[in-house]
Amino acid sequence: MAGVFEYHGWLTIRETAGLDDDPASLRRQVEKVGECLAELGDYGLVDLRWMNGVPFIHVGGNPNHRGTWGPAIITLFSRVGRIAPGSYGLLHVWDDESGPHSNEFRVFRLARGEVTEHADALLSPAIPTLEDPWGGDATTG
């Protein structure tokens, strides 16, 4: 596959890492997060909803290239961490234009307001784990 920027992620929005969030404060934070989501536009999956009294975000997409969308989706996780520092979640990204990581998924983790990048061992290397090499399948070469 040529020109891949594939991403899938989720976030649980929390005011703090404490046991109880202040409902009014959390709602204000979720409104600010919603403003960040509105800036992304309407490409791909961007879903913010409350389930069982807890706000969640789900994102996913597969534009042809990283373009401006790639940095924006990763930055979204950082912005949520600044707005609501108790939030946590994962973003899995396969970017075939990322140099030494072009054949693997990378995992961006948000925990306690900090986004860190990690290697993925479950779906990487993408070729041949997910796709056959160019010019044939894995069994015929």
Protein backbone atom coordinates (compact mmCIF):
# COMPACT_ATOMS: atom_id res chain seq x y z
CA MET A 1 0.00 0.00 0.00
CA ALA A 2 1.45 3.36 -0.97
CA GLY A 3 0.74 6.63 0.81
CA VAL A 4 -0.57 5.44 4.16
CA PHE A 5 -1.51 7.48 7.18
CA GLU A 6 -3.88 5.28 9.12
CA TYR A 7 -4.95 6.07 12.66
CA HIS A 8 -7.33 4.69 15.29
CA GLY A 9 -7.70 6.09 18.79
CA TRP A 10 -9.81 6.58 21.87
CA LEU A 11 -9.77 8.87 24.89
CA THR A 12 -11.58 8.86 28.20
CA ILE A 13 -11.96 12.47 29.31
CA ARG A 14 -11.37 13.04 33.01
CA GLU A 15 -10.99 16.29 34.89
CA THR A 16 -8.28 14.86 37.17
CA ALA A 17 -6.71 11.52 38.00
CA GLY A 18 -8.58 11.62 41.31
CA LEU A 19 -11.56 9.47 42.16
CA ASP A 20 -14.25 12.10 41.66
CA ASP A 21 -14.52 14.73 38.96
CA ASP A 22 -16.58 17.86 39.59
CA PRO A 23 -19.46 17.47 37.11
CA ALA A 24 -19.69 21.19 36.28
CA SER A 25 -15.95 21.52 35.74
CA LEU A 26 -15.85 18.35 33.63
CA ARG A 27 -18.67 19.68 31.43
CA ARG A 28 -16.71 22.91 30.85
CA GLN A 29 -13.63 20.88 29.93
CA VAL A 30 -15.64 18.74 27.53
CA GLU A 31 -16.98 21.91 25.88
CA LYS A 32 -13.36 23.07 25.33
CA VAL A 33 -12.44 19.66 23.95
CA GLY A 34 -15.45 19.88 21.62
CA GLU A 35 -14.06 23.18 20.30
CA CYS A 36 -10.77 21.40 19.53
CA LEU A 37 -12.65 18.67 17.69
CA ALA A 38 -14.55 21.27 15.65
CA GLU A 39 -11.21 22.65 14.42
CA LEU A 40 -10.37 19.25 12.91
CA GLY A 41 -13.14 19.49 10.35
CA ASP A 42 -15.13 16.52 9.17
CA TYR A 43 -12.59 14.10 7.73
CA GLY A 44 -12.66 10.59 9.15
CA LEU A 45 -14.29 9.48 12.37
CA VAL A 46 -14.39 12.05 15.16
CA ASP A 47 -16.91 11.12 17.82
CA LEU A 48 -17.41 12.71 21.23
CA ARG A 49 -20.15 11.25 23.38
CA TRP A 50 -21.13 10.58 26.96
CA MET A 51 -21.65 6.99 28.06
CA ASN A 52 -22.71 6.14 31.59
CA GLY A 53 -21.86 9.68 32.72
CA VAL A 54 -18.33 9.63 31.26
CA PRO A 55 -17.20 11.51 28.12
CA PHE A 56 -15.28 9.56 25.45
CA ILE A 57 -13.67 10.42 22.12
CA HIS A 58 -13.14 7.97 19.27
CA VAL A 59 -11.14 8.88 16.16
CA GLY A 60 -10.16 6.99 13.05
CA GLY A 61 -9.18 7.65 9.48
CA ASN A 62 -6.99 6.81 6.54
CA PRO A 63 -6.04 9.83 4.42
CA ASN A 64 -3.57 9.20 1.60
CA HIS A 65 -0.79 11.14 3.32
CA ARG A 66 0.02 12.65 6.70
CA GLY A 67 -0.50 16.21 5.41
CA THR A 68 -1.83 18.56 8.07
CA TRP A 69 -4.20 15.91 9.41
CA GLY A 70 -1.48 13.71 10.93
CA PRO A 71 0.04 16.32 13.22
CA ALA A 72 -3.44 17.64 14.06
CA ILE A 73 -4.74 14.28 15.30
CA ILE A 74 -1.63 13.71 17.44
CA THR A 75 -1.82 17.27 18.75
CA LEU A 76 -5.46 16.64 19.69
CA PHE A 77 -4.28 14.14 22.32
CA SER A 78 -1.86 16.72 23.78
CA ARG A 79 -4.56 19.40 23.83
CA VAL A 80 -7.00 17.12 25.63
CA GLY A 81 -4.27 16.35 28.18
CA ARG A 82 -3.79 20.07 28.87
CA ILE A 83 -7.53 20.79 29.10
CA ALA A 84 -8.45 17.73 31.18
CA PRO A 85 -5.25 16.32 32.75
CA GLY A 86 -6.90 13.21 34.15
CA SER A 87 -7.74 11.99 30.63
CA TYR A 88 -6.20 8.86 29.18
CA GLY A 89 -6.20 6.89 25.95
CA LEU A 90 -4.31 5.46 23.01
CA LEU A 91 -3.76 6.48 19.40
CA HIS A 92 -2.38 3.90 16.96
CA VAL A 93 -0.76 5.39 13.84
CA TRP A 94 0.76 3.82 10.73
CA ASP A 95 2.56 6.51 8.73
CA ASP A 96 4.56 5.13 5.82
CA GLU A 97 6.28 8.51 5.47
CA SER A 98 7.80 8.44 8.97
CA GLY A 99 11.33 7.36 8.03
CA PRO A 100 12.64 4.61 10.31
CA HIS A 101 9.11 3.77 11.49
CA SER A 102 7.48 3.65 8.05
CA ASN A 103 6.64 -0.07 8.27
CA GLU A 104 5.16 -0.11 11.74
CA PHE A 105 2.39 1.22 13.87
CA ARG A 106 3.36 3.68 16.58
CA VAL A 107 1.27 4.08 19.72
CA PHE A 108 0.74 7.49 21.31
CA ARG A 109 -0.37 7.18 24.92
CA LEU A 110 -2.07 9.97 26.88
CA ALA A 111 -1.84 9.51 30.65
CA ARG A 112 -1.83 12.19 33.36
CA GLY A 113 -1.60 15.00 30.82
CA GLU A 114 1.46 13.62 29.00
CA VAL A 115 1.61 12.13 25.51
CA THR A 116 4.37 9.58 24.95
CA GLU A 117 5.22 7.56 21.83
CA HIS A 118 5.75 3.80 21.92
CA ALA A 119 6.55 0.93 19.57
CA ASP A 120 3.76 -1.48 18.65
CA ALA A 121 4.49 -5.20 18.84
CA LEU A 122 1.07 -6.52 17.80
CA LEU A 123 0.58 -5.14 14.26
CA SER A 124 4.19 -4.38 13.33
CA PRO A 125 6.01 -4.75 11.07
CA ALA A 126 2.99 -3.90 8.93
CA ILE A 127 4.51 -5.76 5.98
CA PRO A 128 4.34 -8.78 6.20
CA THR A 129 2.17 -8.86 9.37
CA LEU A 130 -0.79 -7.07 7.74
CA GLU A 131 0.00 -6.94 4.03
CA ASP A 132 1.96 -8.93 1.51
CA PRO A 133 5.17 -7.42 0.17
CA TRP A 134 4.93 -5.57 -3.16
CA GLY A 135 5.19 -7.91 -6.10
CA GLY A 136 3.49 -10.93 -4.63
CA ASP A 137 2.11 -12.55 -1.55
CA ALA A 138 4.14 -13.80 1.39
CA THR A 139 3.92 -17.40 0.21
CA THR A 140 5.06 -16.89 -3.40
CA GLY A 141 7.58 -14.07 -2.86
